[in-house]
Amino acid sequence: MHTFFTPARHGQTSVLRRRRFVVAALAATIAVLLAKPGLAITSDEIAAIAVRGIGKCSDWRVIGACYWLRCGFDGCKIRASPKVGHFRPDLVVSVYGQHEAHPWAELRAVYGDAWTASIETWARLTGGTPPGSLLEGRSGLRFHEADATGHPLVEFGDFAAFDYVCAPQTLPLKPYWTSAIDVVEWRQGTIDRLRPAAFVPGLREVGNWPLHTWGAVYPRTGWTRQSDAGKAAALVAQRAGDIVTRSEKHRVRLPFESRGTGHWPPKHLYERDSSSGLWQMVLPNAESECSSFGVNDLADRSSWGGGRVGESREWIWNLWRPYKCCRKAGQRFVGSTQVVAWP
């Protein structure tokens, strides 16, 4: 029997919270698809694409052991349980032109109008870039909106293809970061531009500077100068992932969920570091493999982004992140050992 591997202190309350997000979003899906034209993918489809990537993206393995204190009428004993590590999709990162035409149907239904109103209000007050202004100049200057949302697969039993599966630190369809709320810094990058990575060439590059680069992570705004539309979108996705996985006072984001002892969630996402996260494209192409951005395609016949641009100019990726956890085998967690270097 396959079971979801849920760490200590992960009870009924968090399960009910996850279900509320899913039910609310699914209830609005049919209405939004009928009301608004354009490309839209559903949570079921996103989850199904993630399931197809389990074999090549998860890298599941036993990496050590955890120790628990278990007490009963006959006294207390130390119990051991396997410590496992694997990648799992915990975030969906979307890159697009306007929030009211979000490529993810459920997010468009629940948040699209509110996010658009937020940006319109900011634009009226400041004279800034209004929603729907996807800019593509001859110099390669582009602007995109983006968001990072809890992955819907957390409620799907298909992911329990392994005997031990770590619970994510995200809730399904919960928007942990969106450019509609982090609107000022996403458009202006005032504070980000003060960081050395924003003005020193070679720091935080998506690629191998100076041989080749898709662009710099900093400043983390929606503006890119990249002639390849697919690479520009990937660069924006990397920036969104960078923001949402860090707690910074000048960025507006929601904190991830806490899972208690016996659970080690992923840390910060870094470009060109597959051990911190892997990307699986959902739109415009549904891919079954995961990789890092920044591949050198100078010797290839076509650019990496050449076949990854749809007519709607909208992109979605599953972000797979490394988790470590162990099955609860007692009332109190004592400690753990790791004998395999992972990830």
Protein backbone atom coordinates (compact mmCIF):
# COMPACT_ATOMS: atom_id res chain seq x y z
CA MET A 1 0.00 0.00 0.00
CA HIS A 2 1.45 3.35 -1.02
CA THR A 3 1.03 6.26 1.36
CA PHE A 4 1.81 9.93 1.32
CA PHE A 5 4.81 10.48 3.53
CA THR A 6 3.64 13.16 5.94
CA PRO A 7 6.05 14.34 8.65
CA ALA A 8 5.26 15.03 12.29
CA ARG A 9 2.79 17.80 13.22
CA HIS A 10 1.10 17.70 9.84
CA GLY A 11 -2.49 17.10 10.89
CA GLN A 12 -6.04 17.44 9.81
CA THR A 13 -6.04 21.25 9.92
CA SER A 14 -3.50 21.65 7.12
CA VAL A 15 -5.34 19.06 5.02
CA LEU A 16 -8.58 21.02 5.33
CA ARG A 17 -6.76 24.22 4.39
CA ARG A 18 -5.40 22.64 1.23
CA ARG A 19 -8.82 21.36 0.25
CA ARG A 20 -10.41 24.79 0.67
CA PHE A 21 -7.96 26.26 -1.88
CA VAL A 22 -8.63 23.44 -4.35
CA VAL A 23 -12.42 23.46 -4.01
CA ALA A 24 -12.68 27.24 -4.33
CA ALA A 25 -10.55 27.28 -7.45
CA LEU A 26 -12.18 24.33 -9.17
CA ALA A 27 -15.65 25.76 -8.58
CA ALA A 28 -14.80 28.80 -10.67
CA THR A 29 -12.98 27.05 -13.50
CA ILE A 30 -15.95 26.32 -15.79
CA ALA A 31 -17.27 29.85 -15.51
CA VAL A 32 -13.99 31.48 -16.39
CA LEU A 33 -13.37 29.23 -19.37
CA LEU A 34 -16.75 30.16 -20.79
CA ALA A 35 -16.43 33.85 -19.98
CA LYS A 36 -12.92 34.60 -21.22
CA PRO A 37 -11.28 33.45 -24.41
CA GLY A 38 -7.65 32.47 -24.78
CA LEU A 39 -5.29 29.73 -23.80
CA ALA A 40 -5.99 28.14 -20.41
CA ILE A 41 -4.63 25.02 -18.78
CA THR A 42 -6.26 23.43 -15.73
CA SER A 43 -4.82 22.17 -12.45
CA ASP A 44 -5.53 18.58 -13.49
CA GLU A 45 -3.48 19.03 -16.65
CA ILE A 46 -0.59 20.65 -14.78
CA ALA A 47 -0.59 17.81 -12.26
CA ALA A 48 -0.72 15.18 -15.01
CA ILE A 49 2.34 16.70 -16.70
CA ALA A 50 4.17 16.65 -13.36
CA VAL A 51 3.31 12.97 -12.89
CA ARG A 52 4.86 12.22 -16.29
CA GLY A 53 8.09 13.74 -15.03
CA ILE A 54 8.40 11.68 -11.84
CA GLY A 55 10.65 9.05 -13.39
CA LYS A 56 13.22 11.53 -14.71
CA CYS A 57 12.88 14.41 -12.26
CA SER A 58 12.31 12.99 -8.77
CA ASP A 59 15.69 11.29 -8.12
CA TRP A 60 14.13 9.44 -5.15
CA ARG A 61 16.53 7.58 -2.86
CA VAL A 62 17.14 6.45 0.71
CA ILE A 63 19.86 8.70 2.13
CA GLY A 64 20.04 7.81 5.81
CA ALA A 65 17.99 7.15 8.94
CA CYS A 66 15.97 9.06 11.53
CA TYR A 67 15.68 8.18 15.21
CA TRP A 68 12.61 8.57 17.39
CA LEU A 69 11.82 8.08 21.06
CA ARG A 70 8.79 5.85 21.45
CA CYS A 71 7.33 5.33 24.91
CA GLY A 72 4.64 2.93 26.09
CA PHE A 73 3.58 0.91 29.10
CA ASP A 74 6.73 -1.19 28.80
CA GLY A 75 9.05 1.85 28.84
CA CYS A 76 10.80 3.91 26.18
CA LYS A 77 12.75 2.72 23.16
CA ILE A 78 14.62 4.28 20.26
CA ARG A 79 13.05 3.49 16.91
CA ALA A 80 14.62 4.07 13.50
CA SER A 81 12.95 4.97 10.21
CA PRO A 82 14.39 5.54 6.72
CA LYS A 83 15.41 9.04 5.73
CA VAL A 84 14.62 9.68 2.09
CA GLY A 85 15.35 12.45 -0.37
CA HIS A 86 13.67 13.35 -3.63
CA PHE A 87 12.65 16.24 -5.83
CA ARG A 88 8.98 17.09 -6.05
CA PRO A 89 7.06 19.89 -7.78
CA ASP A 90 6.06 22.35 -5.08
CA LEU A 91 5.58 25.50 -7.17
CA VAL A 92 4.11 26.43 -10.53
CA VAL A 93 5.78 29.48 -12.08
CA SER A 94 3.83 31.32 -14.77
CA VAL A 95 5.10 34.04 -17.15
CA TYR A 96 2.62 36.00 -19.26
CA GLY A 97 1.40 39.38 -20.47
CA GLN A 98 -1.64 40.24 -18.37
CA HIS A 99 -3.20 38.81 -15.21
CA GLU A 100 -6.81 38.80 -16.42
CA ALA A 101 -5.75 36.41 -19.22
CA HIS A 102 -3.67 34.14 -16.99
CA PRO A 103 -2.80 30.85 -18.74
CA TRP A 104 -3.77 28.82 -15.63
CA ALA A 105 -7.58 28.63 -15.61
CA GLU A 106 -8.13 28.38 -11.86
CA LEU A 107 -5.80 31.27 -11.07
CA ARG A 108 -7.43 33.39 -13.75
CA ALA A 109 -10.82 32.70 -12.18
CA VAL A 110 -9.90 33.32 -8.56
CA TYR A 111 -7.24 36.03 -8.72
CA GLY A 112 -7.11 37.46 -12.25
CA ASP A 113 -9.42 40.46 -11.84
CA ALA A 114 -8.07 41.36 -8.40
CA TRP A 115 -4.47 41.24 -9.60
CA THR A 116 -5.32 43.37 -12.64
CA ALA A 117 -7.09 45.92 -10.43
CA SER A 118 -4.03 46.10 -8.18
CA ILE A 119 -1.75 47.00 -11.09
CA GLU A 120 -4.27 49.43 -12.59
CA THR A 121 -4.45 51.28 -9.28
CA TRP A 122 -0.67 51.50 -9.10
CA ALA A 123 -0.46 52.68 -12.73
CA ARG A 124 -3.01 55.46 -12.15
CA LEU A 125 -1.19 56.70 -9.07
CA THR A 126 2.31 56.60 -10.51
CA GLY A 127 1.92 56.69 -14.28
CA GLY A 128 3.69 53.33 -14.44
CA THR A 129 3.32 50.39 -16.80
CA PRO A 130 -0.36 49.35 -16.96
CA PRO A 131 -1.47 45.70 -17.16
CA GLY A 132 -1.51 44.14 -20.59
CA SER A 133 1.56 46.07 -21.73
CA LEU A 134 3.71 43.19 -22.91
CA LEU A 135 6.50 45.14 -24.53
CA GLU A 136 8.74 43.74 -27.25
CA GLY A 137 11.04 46.31 -28.80
CA ARG A 138 13.48 45.89 -31.66
CA SER A 139 16.35 46.01 -29.16
CA GLY A 140 14.99 42.90 -27.46
CA LEU A 141 13.48 44.82 -24.53
CA ARG A 142 10.54 42.90 -23.09
CA PHE A 143 8.26 43.05 -20.06
CA HIS A 144 6.36 40.15 -18.48
CA GLU A 145 4.17 39.55 -15.47
CA ALA A 146 4.87 36.44 -13.38
CA ASP A 147 3.78 34.52 -10.31
CA ALA A 148 4.74 31.49 -8.22
CA THR A 149 1.87 29.38 -6.89
CA GLY A 150 1.54 26.23 -4.80
CA HIS A 151 1.54 23.14 -6.99
CA PRO A 152 -1.79 21.27 -7.35
CA LEU A 153 -0.16 17.83 -7.24
CA VAL A 154 -0.10 17.78 -3.42
CA GLU A 155 -3.67 16.47 -3.45
CA PHE A 156 -3.10 13.83 -6.12
CA GLY A 157 -2.62 10.19 -5.13
CA ASP A 158 -0.70 9.43 -8.32
CA PHE A 159 2.39 10.98 -6.78
CA ALA A 160 2.44 8.19 -4.18
CA ALA A 161 4.10 5.91 -6.72
CA PHE A 162 6.89 5.66 -4.15
CA ASP A 163 6.46 4.22 -0.67
CA TYR A 164 7.90 7.35 0.94
CA VAL A 165 7.00 10.81 -0.29
CA CYS A 166 7.87 14.04 1.52
CA ALA A 167 5.07 16.55 2.05
CA PRO A 168 5.62 19.91 0.31
CA GLN A 169 6.01 23.23 2.05
CA THR A 170 3.32 24.74 -0.18
CA LEU A 171 -0.47 24.60 -0.37
CA PRO A 172 -2.18 23.99 -3.73
CA LEU A 173 -3.15 27.09 -5.70
CA LYS A 174 -1.92 29.43 -2.95
CA PRO A 175 -0.17 32.44 -4.54
CA TYR A 176 3.13 32.74 -2.67
CA TRP A 177 4.35 35.53 -4.91
CA THR A 178 2.88 37.55 -7.75
CA SER A 179 4.10 40.57 -9.68
CA ALA A 180 0.64 42.10 -9.19
CA ILE A 181 1.32 42.59 -5.47
CA ASP A 182 5.10 43.05 -5.63
CA VAL A 183 4.27 45.59 -8.29
CA VAL A 184 6.69 48.42 -7.48
CA GLU A 185 9.92 46.44 -7.25
CA TRP A 186 8.92 44.19 -10.17
CA ARG A 187 8.60 47.23 -12.43
CA GLN A 188 11.32 49.47 -11.06
CA GLY A 189 13.77 47.25 -9.18
CA THR A 190 14.94 50.22 -7.14
CA ILE A 191 16.49 48.24 -4.28
CA ASP A 192 17.62 45.32 -6.42
CA ARG A 193 19.65 47.73 -8.57
CA LEU A 194 21.80 48.54 -5.53
CA ARG A 195 23.04 44.95 -5.30
CA PRO A 196 26.47 44.20 -6.87
CA ALA A 197 24.89 41.45 -9.00
CA ALA A 198 22.85 44.14 -10.77
CA PHE A 199 25.83 46.06 -12.15
CA VAL A 200 28.85 43.72 -12.02
CA PRO A 201 28.99 41.56 -15.19
CA GLY A 202 29.22 37.85 -14.52
CA LEU A 203 27.48 37.80 -11.14
CA ARG A 204 24.25 35.76 -10.98
CA GLU A 205 24.10 35.06 -14.71
CA VAL A 206 21.80 32.46 -16.26
CA GLY A 207 24.50 30.89 -18.38
CA ASN A 208 28.29 30.86 -18.37
CA TRP A 209 29.40 34.47 -18.73
CA PRO A 210 31.23 35.73 -20.79
CA LEU A 211 31.05 32.73 -23.15
CA HIS A 212 27.29 32.77 -23.28
CA THR A 213 24.46 34.07 -21.14
CA TRP A 214 20.68 34.29 -21.27
CA GLY A 215 20.77 37.33 -19.02
CA ALA A 216 21.34 38.34 -15.41
CA VAL A 217 19.08 37.40 -12.52
CA TYR A 218 19.47 40.91 -11.04
CA PRO A 219 17.71 43.23 -11.03
CA ARG A 220 14.74 40.92 -10.48
CA THR A 221 12.17 42.81 -12.51
CA GLY A 222 9.86 41.93 -15.38
CA TRP A 223 12.15 43.71 -17.84
CA THR A 224 14.58 41.73 -19.95
CA ARG A 225 16.77 42.55 -22.94
CA GLN A 226 16.82 39.27 -24.81
CA SER A 227 15.98 38.76 -28.49
CA ASP A 228 14.94 35.14 -27.88
CA ALA A 229 11.39 35.17 -26.47
CA GLY A 230 11.70 31.72 -24.91
CA LYS A 231 14.94 32.58 -23.12
CA ALA A 232 13.47 35.88 -21.94
CA ALA A 233 10.53 34.03 -20.37
CA ALA A 234 12.87 31.51 -18.74
CA LEU A 235 14.94 34.35 -17.29
CA VAL A 236 11.79 35.91 -15.83
CA ALA A 237 10.79 32.53 -14.35
CA GLN A 238 14.24 32.19 -12.75
CA ARG A 239 13.83 35.63 -11.19
CA ALA A 240 10.38 34.73 -9.86
CA GLY A 241 11.77 31.52 -8.36
CA ASP A 242 14.63 33.47 -6.82
CA ILE A 243 12.23 35.91 -5.15
CA VAL A 244 9.72 33.40 -3.82
CA THR A 245 12.36 31.15 -2.22
CA ARG A 246 13.90 34.01 -0.23
CA SER A 247 12.60 36.07 2.67
CA GLU A 248 13.54 39.67 1.89
CA LYS A 249 12.03 42.76 3.44
CA HIS A 250 11.84 44.70 0.17
CA ARG A 251 9.89 41.96 -1.68
CA VAL A 252 6.24 41.12 -1.06
CA ARG A 253 5.65 37.38 -0.70
CA LEU A 254 3.90 34.85 1.53
CA PRO A 255 5.95 32.51 3.74
CA PHE A 256 5.96 28.79 3.06
CA GLU A 257 4.21 26.34 5.38
CA SER A 258 6.00 24.71 8.33
CA ARG A 259 6.03 20.90 8.50
CA GLY A 260 7.74 20.30 11.85
CA THR A 261 10.46 17.82 12.78
CA GLY A 262 11.63 15.01 10.55
CA HIS A 263 11.21 17.20 7.48
CA TRP A 264 13.90 19.21 5.69
CA PRO A 265 12.47 21.52 3.01
CA PRO A 266 14.54 23.02 0.18
CA LYS A 267 16.53 26.20 0.61
CA HIS A 268 17.12 29.03 -1.85
CA LEU A 269 16.89 28.53 -5.60
CA TYR A 270 20.04 29.34 -7.57
CA GLU A 271 20.61 29.56 -11.31
CA ARG A 272 22.76 26.83 -12.90
CA ASP A 273 22.48 24.77 -9.69
CA SER A 274 20.39 21.68 -10.34
CA SER A 275 20.65 20.66 -6.68
CA SER A 276 18.54 23.68 -5.69
CA GLY A 277 15.75 23.17 -8.21
CA LEU A 278 14.80 21.85 -11.64
CA TRP A 279 12.45 23.22 -14.27
CA GLN A 280 9.86 21.21 -16.22
CA MET A 281 8.05 23.09 -18.98
CA VAL A 282 4.25 22.85 -19.00
CA LEU A 283 3.39 25.53 -21.59
CA PRO A 284 3.75 25.97 -24.49
CA ASN A 285 5.30 22.48 -24.61
CA ALA A 286 4.47 19.73 -22.13
CA GLU A 287 7.86 18.16 -21.41
CA SER A 288 8.59 15.05 -19.32
CA GLU A 289 12.17 15.96 -18.40
CA CYS A 290 13.62 18.52 -16.00
CA SER A 291 16.65 20.76 -16.44
CA SER A 292 18.29 24.01 -15.41
CA PHE A 293 18.14 27.17 -17.49
CA GLY A 294 21.24 28.57 -19.17
CA VAL A 295 22.27 25.81 -21.58
CA ASN A 296 24.91 26.73 -24.16
CA ASP A 297 23.23 26.46 -27.56
CA LEU A 298 25.77 28.43 -29.61
CA ALA A 299 26.78 25.32 -31.56
CA ASP A 300 23.20 24.09 -32.04
CA ARG A 301 21.28 24.54 -35.27
CA SER A 302 18.46 26.31 -33.45
CA SER A 303 18.14 28.31 -30.27
CA TRP A 304 16.90 26.69 -27.03
CA GLY A 305 13.91 29.00 -27.07
CA GLY A 306 13.12 28.53 -30.75
CA GLY A 307 10.61 25.73 -30.25
CA ARG A 308 9.36 26.99 -26.89
CA VAL A 309 7.27 29.98 -27.92
CA GLY A 310 3.52 29.69 -28.43
CA GLU A 311 1.18 32.04 -30.25
CA SER A 312 -0.16 33.40 -26.96
CA ARG A 313 3.33 34.18 -25.62
CA GLU A 314 2.53 32.53 -22.27
CA TRP A 315 4.71 30.08 -20.34
CA ILE A 316 4.27 27.79 -17.35
CA TRP A 317 6.89 25.66 -15.59
CA ASN A 318 6.74 23.11 -12.79
CA LEU A 319 9.51 23.91 -10.32
CA TRP A 320 10.86 20.70 -8.74
CA ARG A 321 12.62 21.22 -5.42
CA PRO A 322 14.69 18.84 -3.21
CA TYR A 323 13.06 17.51 -0.02
CA LYS A 324 14.33 15.25 2.75
CA CYS A 325 12.09 13.58 5.31
CA CYS A 326 11.49 10.48 7.40
CA ARG A 327 8.49 8.51 8.58
CA LYS A 328 7.38 9.26 12.13
CA ALA A 329 8.26 6.27 14.32
CA GLY A 330 7.80 7.70 17.82
CA GLN A 331 6.52 10.57 19.92
CA ARG A 332 9.75 12.59 19.92
CA PHE A 333 12.30 13.16 17.17
CA VAL A 334 15.83 12.46 18.46
CA GLY A 335 17.98 13.09 15.39
CA SER A 336 19.07 11.75 12.02
CA THR A 337 22.10 10.55 10.12
CA GLN A 338 22.76 10.95 6.40
CA VAL A 339 25.12 8.51 4.72
CA VAL A 340 24.46 9.52 1.10
CA ALA A 341 25.44 12.96 -0.18
CA TRP A 342 22.23 14.34 -1.66
CA PRO A 343 21.12 16.33 -3.54
